[in-house]
């Protein structure tokens, strides 16, 4: 295995980890964001209608919104990079007869 191939596999694994972390963060951040209308449920449940609670909630929602946008951008960039650096398998396509010879189970096909 060459150094370039080893480097690509390390980069591919790092991109996979970045994609997984970004995806999980996006899901969690969207779930925790406050909806546009709280309706009656926040009134009954004692929503944060005090001056301090409202300000803190707005700051948290704004921060989650910004972090979600950043995570989405990271997710898209990592996806594009993973697509660009993937190996080109089109030149190594083997027909069914060639595949039968290349596998370790070639004895099964005879």
Protein backbone atom coordinates (compact mmCIF):
# COMPACT_ATOMS: atom_id res chain seq x y z
CA UNK A 1 0.00 0.00 0.00
CA UNK A 2 1.49 3.31 -1.03
CA UNK A 3 1.70 6.41 1.13
CA UNK A 4 -0.87 8.16 -1.07
CA UNK A 5 -3.36 5.31 -0.70
CA UNK A 6 -2.81 5.26 3.06
CA UNK A 7 -3.27 9.03 3.23
CA UNK A 8 -6.48 8.79 1.24
CA UNK A 9 -7.92 6.17 3.52
CA UNK A 10 -7.08 8.27 6.58
CA UNK A 11 -8.70 11.32 4.97
CA UNK A 12 -11.73 9.24 4.00
CA UNK A 13 -12.13 8.02 7.58
CA UNK A 14 -11.72 11.55 8.92
CA UNK A 15 -14.36 12.80 6.50
CA UNK A 16 -16.65 9.98 7.60
CA UNK A 17 -16.24 11.00 11.23
CA UNK A 18 -16.86 14.66 10.36
CA UNK A 19 -19.98 13.70 8.40
CA UNK A 20 -21.35 11.61 11.26
CA UNK A 21 -20.68 14.28 13.88
CA UNK A 22 -22.20 17.02 11.70
CA UNK A 23 -25.27 14.90 10.93
CA UNK A 24 -25.91 14.06 14.57
CA UNK A 25 -25.36 17.68 15.61
CA UNK A 26 -27.79 18.94 12.93
CA UNK A 27 -30.46 16.49 14.10
CA UNK A 28 -30.03 17.39 17.77
CA UNK A 29 -29.85 21.14 17.11
CA UNK A 30 -33.01 21.11 14.99
CA UNK A 31 -34.88 19.14 17.64
CA UNK A 32 -33.87 21.60 20.36
CA UNK A 33 -34.73 24.73 18.39
CA UNK A 34 -37.85 26.55 19.37
CA UNK A 35 -40.67 26.61 16.85
CA UNK A 36 -42.15 29.80 15.46
CA UNK A 37 -45.37 29.45 17.41
CA UNK A 38 -45.56 28.04 20.88
CA UNK A 39 -49.30 28.42 21.16
CA UNK A 40 -51.15 27.35 24.25
CA UNK A 41 -48.67 24.69 25.31
CA UNK A 42 -46.09 27.18 26.54
CA UNK A 43 -48.76 29.09 28.47
CA UNK A 44 -50.01 25.98 30.21
CA UNK A 45 -46.53 24.61 30.82
CA UNK A 46 -45.36 27.95 32.19
CA UNK A 47 -43.24 29.07 29.28
CA UNK A 48 -40.40 31.46 29.83
CA UNK A 49 -42.37 34.68 29.66
CA UNK A 50 -40.29 36.60 32.15
CA UNK A 51 -37.93 39.24 30.92
CA UNK A 52 -34.83 37.22 31.74
CA UNK A 53 -36.21 33.94 30.44
CA UNK A 54 -37.30 35.43 27.12
CA UNK A 55 -33.90 37.02 26.51
CA UNK A 56 -32.01 33.86 27.43
CA UNK A 57 -34.26 31.72 25.23
CA UNK A 58 -33.85 34.05 22.25
CA UNK A 59 -30.06 34.02 22.64
CA UNK A 60 -29.98 30.21 22.82
CA UNK A 61 -32.24 29.88 19.77
CA UNK A 62 -30.10 32.30 17.79
CA UNK A 63 -26.93 30.44 18.79
CA UNK A 64 -28.46 27.08 17.81
CA UNK A 65 -29.57 28.55 14.49
CA UNK A 66 -26.06 29.81 13.71
CA UNK A 67 -24.43 26.55 14.78
CA UNK A 68 -26.91 24.57 12.67
CA UNK A 69 -26.01 26.64 9.61
CA UNK A 70 -22.30 26.10 10.24
CA UNK A 71 -22.82 22.35 10.73
CA UNK A 72 -24.84 22.17 7.51
CA UNK A 73 -22.08 23.93 5.58
CA UNK A 74 -19.47 21.58 7.08
CA UNK A 75 -21.69 18.61 6.14
CA UNK A 76 -22.04 19.74 2.52
CA UNK A 77 -18.32 20.51 2.13
CA UNK A 78 -17.33 17.15 3.67
CA UNK A 79 -19.78 15.35 1.37
CA UNK A 80 -18.37 17.05 -1.72
CA UNK A 81 -14.80 16.33 -0.61
CA UNK A 82 -15.63 12.68 0.03
CA UNK A 83 -17.10 12.45 -3.47
CA UNK A 84 -14.09 14.15 -5.08
CA UNK A 85 -11.41 12.04 -3.38
CA UNK A 86 -13.10 8.68 -3.80
CA UNK A 87 -11.23 6.28 -6.08
CA UNK A 88 -12.33 5.85 -9.66
CA UNK A 89 -13.70 2.35 -9.87
CA UNK A 90 -14.86 2.67 -13.48
CA UNK A 91 -11.42 1.71 -14.86
CA UNK A 92 -11.25 -1.42 -12.71
CA UNK A 93 -14.64 -2.88 -13.60
CA UNK A 94 -14.30 -6.59 -14.13
CA UNK A 95 -16.77 -8.79 -15.92
CA UNK A 96 -18.42 -11.70 -14.18
CA UNK A 97 -15.85 -14.16 -15.53
CA UNK A 98 -12.96 -12.03 -14.32
CA UNK A 99 -14.60 -11.59 -10.92
CA UNK A 100 -14.97 -15.32 -10.50
CA UNK A 101 -11.23 -15.71 -11.03
CA UNK A 102 -10.29 -12.90 -8.65
CA UNK A 103 -12.30 -13.96 -5.62
CA UNK A 104 -11.03 -16.23 -2.93
CA UNK A 105 -14.11 -18.37 -3.46
CA UNK A 106 -13.22 -19.12 -7.07
CA UNK A 107 -13.47 -22.86 -6.35
CA UNK A 108 -17.21 -22.48 -5.84
CA UNK A 109 -17.74 -21.27 -9.40
CA UNK A 110 -15.97 -24.16 -11.12
